[in-house]
Amino acid sequence: MNFDFYQQYKNYSNTELLKIVKRPTDYQAAAVLVATQILTERQVTNEEIQLVEQYFQDIDSSAKTRKGKIDAVKDKAADFFEPVLHPSEKVEPAKWVN
């Protein structure tokens, strides 16, 4: 049974369809083709395009921020446990105080 993407997407807003077209790897190829077809049948404003681009920039920025925080915690944990995992002759109590 084939899914009718046209029937599903015909009532979607231009913004929703642009989100599908801008991230084609997140959707089935048929869905992207139908979204593109519907958009060509409509008038898409520059504001709608900019809104979608800003939406994805915000998502990417949020993901980078989240990844940066996770990496900082990982680095702090690795630094804290470094004397236990890789003991040396020199002891640095300052690492354990913080």
N, C-alpha and C. Protein backbone atom coordinates (compact mmCIF):
# COMPACT_ATOMS: atom_id res chain seq x y z
N MET A 1 0.84 -1.19 0.00
CA MET A 1 0.00 0.00 0.00
C MET A 1 0.88 1.24 0.00
N ASN A 2 0.65 2.13 -0.94
CA ASN A 2 1.40 3.37 -1.04
C ASN A 2 0.67 4.48 -0.31
N PHE A 3 1.44 5.28 0.40
CA PHE A 3 0.87 6.41 1.13
C PHE A 3 0.74 7.58 0.16
N ASP A 4 -0.37 8.27 0.21
CA ASP A 4 -0.61 9.42 -0.66
C ASP A 4 -0.14 10.69 0.04
N PHE A 5 1.11 11.05 -0.24
CA PHE A 5 1.68 12.24 0.39
C PHE A 5 0.98 13.51 -0.09
N TYR A 6 0.51 13.51 -1.31
CA TYR A 6 -0.15 14.70 -1.82
C TYR A 6 -1.39 15.04 -0.99
N GLN A 7 -2.20 14.04 -0.71
CA GLN A 7 -3.39 14.26 0.11
C GLN A 7 -3.01 14.72 1.52
N GLN A 8 -1.95 14.18 2.03
CA GLN A 8 -1.50 14.54 3.38
C GLN A 8 -0.97 15.97 3.42
N TYR A 9 -0.17 16.33 2.42
CA TYR A 9 0.55 17.60 2.46
C TYR A 9 -0.20 18.77 1.83
N LYS A 10 -1.27 18.53 1.11
CA LYS A 10 -1.94 19.62 0.39
C LYS A 10 -2.46 20.71 1.33
N ASN A 11 -2.74 20.37 2.58
CA ASN A 11 -3.25 21.36 3.53
C ASN A 11 -2.15 21.91 4.44
N TYR A 12 -0.92 21.45 4.24
CA TYR A 12 0.20 21.97 5.04
C TYR A 12 0.49 23.41 4.61
N SER A 13 1.00 24.18 5.54
CA SER A 13 1.39 25.55 5.22
C SER A 13 2.70 25.52 4.42
N ASN A 14 3.00 26.64 3.79
CA ASN A 14 4.26 26.76 3.05
C ASN A 14 5.45 26.54 3.97
N THR A 15 5.36 27.04 5.17
CA THR A 15 6.44 26.89 6.13
C THR A 15 6.69 25.43 6.46
N GLU A 16 5.64 24.69 6.69
CA GLU A 16 5.79 23.26 7.00
C GLU A 16 6.39 22.50 5.81
N LEU A 17 5.95 22.85 4.62
CA LEU A 17 6.48 22.19 3.43
C LEU A 17 7.95 22.56 3.20
N LEU A 18 8.30 23.81 3.46
CA LEU A 18 9.70 24.22 3.32
C LEU A 18 10.60 23.48 4.30
N LYS A 19 10.09 23.21 5.48
CA LYS A 19 10.87 22.43 6.46
C LYS A 19 11.17 21.04 5.93
N ILE A 20 10.23 20.45 5.23
CA ILE A 20 10.44 19.13 4.65
C ILE A 20 11.48 19.19 3.54
N VAL A 21 11.36 20.22 2.70
CA VAL A 21 12.27 20.35 1.56
C VAL A 21 13.69 20.68 2.02
N LYS A 22 13.82 21.47 3.08
CA LYS A 22 15.14 21.89 3.56
C LYS A 22 15.92 20.77 4.25
N ARG A 23 15.23 19.78 4.76
CA ARG A 23 15.88 18.65 5.42
C ARG A 23 15.42 17.34 4.78
N PRO A 24 15.79 17.12 3.52
CA PRO A 24 15.29 15.95 2.78
C PRO A 24 15.73 14.61 3.36
N THR A 25 16.85 14.59 4.07
CA THR A 25 17.31 13.31 4.63
C THR A 25 16.44 12.85 5.79
N ASP A 26 15.63 13.74 6.33
CA ASP A 26 14.75 13.38 7.44
C ASP A 26 13.43 12.76 6.96
N TYR A 27 13.22 12.76 5.65
CA TYR A 27 11.93 12.31 5.10
C TYR A 27 12.16 11.32 3.95
N GLN A 28 11.11 10.61 3.61
CA GLN A 28 11.15 9.73 2.45
C GLN A 28 11.27 10.57 1.18
N ALA A 29 11.91 10.00 0.17
CA ALA A 29 12.12 10.73 -1.08
C ALA A 29 10.79 11.16 -1.71
N ALA A 30 9.79 10.30 -1.64
CA ALA A 30 8.48 10.63 -2.22
C ALA A 30 7.85 11.82 -1.49
N ALA A 31 8.05 11.90 -0.20
CA ALA A 31 7.49 13.01 0.57
C ALA A 31 8.14 14.32 0.16
N VAL A 32 9.44 14.31 -0.05
CA VAL A 32 10.15 15.52 -0.45
C VAL A 32 9.71 15.95 -1.85
N LEU A 33 9.56 14.99 -2.75
CA LEU A 33 9.11 15.32 -4.10
C LEU A 33 7.72 15.95 -4.11
N VAL A 34 6.82 15.40 -3.32
CA VAL A 34 5.47 15.94 -3.25
C VAL A 34 5.47 17.32 -2.61
N ALA A 35 6.25 17.50 -1.57
CA ALA A 35 6.34 18.82 -0.93
C ALA A 35 6.88 19.85 -1.90
N THR A 36 7.89 19.47 -2.68
CA THR A 36 8.44 20.37 -3.69
C THR A 36 7.40 20.70 -4.75
N GLN A 37 6.66 19.69 -5.18
CA GLN A 37 5.61 19.89 -6.19
C GLN A 37 4.55 20.86 -5.69
N ILE A 38 4.11 20.68 -4.46
CA ILE A 38 3.07 21.56 -3.90
C ILE A 38 3.60 22.98 -3.79
N LEU A 39 4.85 23.13 -3.38
CA LEU A 39 5.43 24.47 -3.25
C LEU A 39 5.53 25.17 -4.60
N THR A 40 5.80 24.41 -5.66
CA THR A 40 5.87 25.04 -6.99
C THR A 40 4.50 25.50 -7.47
N GLU A 41 3.45 24.91 -6.93
CA GLU A 41 2.09 25.30 -7.29
C GLU A 41 1.63 26.52 -6.50
N ARG A 42 2.37 26.89 -5.48
CA ARG A 42 1.99 28.00 -4.61
C ARG A 42 2.98 29.15 -4.75
N GLN A 43 2.61 30.28 -4.17
CA GLN A 43 3.55 31.39 -4.06
C GLN A 43 4.19 31.33 -2.69
N VAL A 44 5.49 31.27 -2.69
CA VAL A 44 6.24 31.22 -1.43
C VAL A 44 6.94 32.56 -1.26
N THR A 45 6.71 33.18 -0.11
CA THR A 45 7.31 34.50 0.14
C THR A 45 8.71 34.36 0.71
N ASN A 46 9.48 35.43 0.57
CA ASN A 46 10.83 35.46 1.15
C ASN A 46 10.77 35.36 2.67
N GLU A 47 9.73 35.92 3.27
CA GLU A 47 9.58 35.86 4.72
C GLU A 47 9.44 34.42 5.19
N GLU A 48 8.68 33.63 4.43
CA GLU A 48 8.50 32.22 4.79
C GLU A 48 9.83 31.46 4.68
N ILE A 49 10.58 31.74 3.63
CA ILE A 49 11.88 31.09 3.45
C ILE A 49 12.82 31.48 4.59
N GLN A 50 12.86 32.77 4.92
CA GLN A 50 13.74 33.24 6.00
C GLN A 50 13.31 32.66 7.35
N LEU A 51 12.02 32.52 7.57
CA LEU A 51 11.52 31.94 8.81
C LEU A 51 12.00 30.51 8.98
N VAL A 52 11.94 29.73 7.91
CA VAL A 52 12.39 28.34 7.97
C VAL A 52 13.90 28.26 8.16
N GLU A 53 14.64 29.12 7.46
CA GLU A 53 16.10 29.13 7.63
C GLU A 53 16.47 29.50 9.06
N GLN A 54 15.79 30.48 9.64
CA GLN A 54 16.05 30.87 11.03
C GLN A 54 15.70 29.74 11.98
N TYR A 55 14.63 29.03 11.69
CA TYR A 55 14.20 27.89 12.50
C TYR A 55 15.31 26.84 12.58
N PHE A 56 15.88 26.50 11.42
CA PHE A 56 16.93 25.49 11.41
C PHE A 56 18.24 26.01 11.99
N GLN A 57 18.52 27.29 11.83
CA GLN A 57 19.70 27.88 12.47
C GLN A 57 19.57 27.81 13.98
N ASP A 58 18.40 28.09 14.50
CA ASP A 58 18.17 28.00 15.94
C ASP A 58 18.34 26.57 16.45
N ILE A 59 17.84 25.60 15.68
CA ILE A 59 17.99 24.20 16.07
C ILE A 59 19.46 23.82 16.09
N ASP A 60 20.20 24.20 15.03
CA ASP A 60 21.62 23.88 14.96
C ASP A 60 22.41 24.56 16.07
N SER A 61 22.07 25.80 16.35
CA SER A 61 22.75 26.54 17.41
C SER A 61 22.49 25.90 18.78
N SER A 62 21.26 25.50 19.01
CA SER A 62 20.91 24.85 20.26
C SER A 62 21.64 23.52 20.41
N ALA A 63 21.75 22.78 19.32
CA ALA A 63 22.46 21.50 19.36
C ALA A 63 23.94 21.70 19.65
N LYS A 64 24.55 22.73 19.05
CA LYS A 64 25.96 23.03 19.29
C LYS A 64 26.18 23.43 20.75
N THR A 65 25.28 24.24 21.29
CA THR A 65 25.39 24.66 22.68
C THR A 65 25.28 23.46 23.61
N ARG A 66 24.32 22.60 23.34
CA ARG A 66 24.13 21.40 24.15
C ARG A 66 25.36 20.49 24.07
N LYS A 67 25.91 20.33 22.87
CA LYS A 67 27.09 19.49 22.70
C LYS A 67 28.27 20.10 23.44
N GLY A 68 28.39 21.42 23.40
CA GLY A 68 29.48 22.09 24.12
C GLY A 68 29.39 21.87 25.62
N LYS A 69 28.19 21.92 26.16
CA LYS A 69 28.01 21.68 27.59
C LYS A 69 28.34 20.24 27.96
N ILE A 70 27.92 19.31 27.12
CA ILE A 70 28.21 17.89 27.37
C ILE A 70 29.71 17.65 27.32
N ASP A 71 30.38 18.22 26.33
CA ASP A 71 31.83 18.05 26.21
C ASP A 71 32.56 18.65 27.41
N ALA A 72 32.06 19.79 27.91
CA ALA A 72 32.69 20.42 29.08
C ALA A 72 32.57 19.52 30.31
N VAL A 73 31.42 18.89 30.50
CA VAL A 73 31.23 17.98 31.63
C VAL A 73 32.12 16.76 31.47
N LYS A 74 32.21 16.23 30.26
CA LYS A 74 33.08 15.07 30.01
C LYS A 74 34.54 15.42 30.31
N ASP A 75 34.97 16.60 29.86
CA ASP A 75 36.36 17.01 30.10
C ASP A 75 36.64 17.19 31.59
N LYS A 76 35.67 17.75 32.30
CA LYS A 76 35.84 17.96 33.74
C LYS A 76 35.91 16.62 34.47
N ALA A 77 35.07 15.67 34.06
CA ALA A 77 35.08 14.35 34.69
C ALA A 77 36.39 13.62 34.38
N ALA A 78 36.85 13.71 33.14
CA ALA A 78 38.12 13.06 32.77
C ALA A 78 39.27 13.67 33.54
N ASP A 79 39.26 14.99 33.71
CA ASP A 79 40.31 15.66 34.47
C ASP A 79 40.27 15.24 35.93
N PHE A 80 39.07 15.10 36.49
CA PHE A 80 38.92 14.72 37.89
C PHE A 80 39.44 13.30 38.14
N PHE A 81 39.11 12.38 37.25
CA PHE A 81 39.50 10.98 37.44
C PHE A 81 40.86 10.64 36.84
N GLU A 82 41.50 11.59 36.21
CA GLU A 82 42.80 11.35 35.58
C GLU A 82 43.83 10.79 36.57
N PRO A 83 43.96 11.31 37.80
CA PRO A 83 44.94 10.75 38.74
C PRO A 83 44.65 9.28 39.11
N VAL A 84 43.40 8.89 39.07
CA VAL A 84 43.05 7.50 39.39
C VAL A 84 43.30 6.59 38.19
N LEU A 85 42.94 7.08 37.02
CA LEU A 85 43.08 6.27 35.81
C LEU A 85 44.52 6.19 35.32
N HIS A 86 45.28 7.26 35.51
CA HIS A 86 46.67 7.31 35.08
C HIS A 86 47.53 7.85 36.23
N PRO A 87 47.78 7.03 37.25
CA PRO A 87 48.54 7.51 38.40
C PRO A 87 49.98 7.89 38.01
N SER A 88 50.49 8.86 38.74
CA SER A 88 51.87 9.28 38.51
C SER A 88 52.55 9.50 39.85
N GLU A 89 53.81 9.74 39.79
CA GLU A 89 54.59 9.97 41.01
C GLU A 89 54.16 11.29 41.67
N LYS A 90 53.83 12.26 40.85
CA LYS A 90 53.47 13.58 41.36
C LYS A 90 51.98 13.62 41.69
N VAL A 91 51.61 14.00 42.90
CA VAL A 91 50.23 14.11 43.32
C VAL A 91 49.81 15.57 43.25
N GLU A 92 48.64 15.81 42.67
CA GLU A 92 48.13 17.18 42.57
C GLU A 92 46.82 17.27 43.34
N PRO A 93 46.88 17.60 44.63
CA PRO A 93 45.66 17.66 45.43
C PRO A 93 44.69 18.76 44.98
N ALA A 94 45.16 19.75 44.28
CA ALA A 94 44.27 20.83 43.82
C ALA A 94 43.16 20.30 42.93
N LYS A 95 43.42 19.25 42.15
CA LYS A 95 42.38 18.68 41.29
C LYS A 95 41.25 18.11 42.12
N TRP A 96 41.58 17.57 43.28
CA TRP A 96 40.57 16.90 44.10
C TRP A 96 39.80 17.90 44.96
N VAL A 97 40.37 19.07 45.22
CA VAL A 97 39.73 20.06 46.05
C VAL A 97 38.53 20.68 45.33
N ASN A 98 38.67 20.98 44.07
CA ASN A 98 37.60 21.61 43.32
C ASN A 98 36.51 20.60 43.02
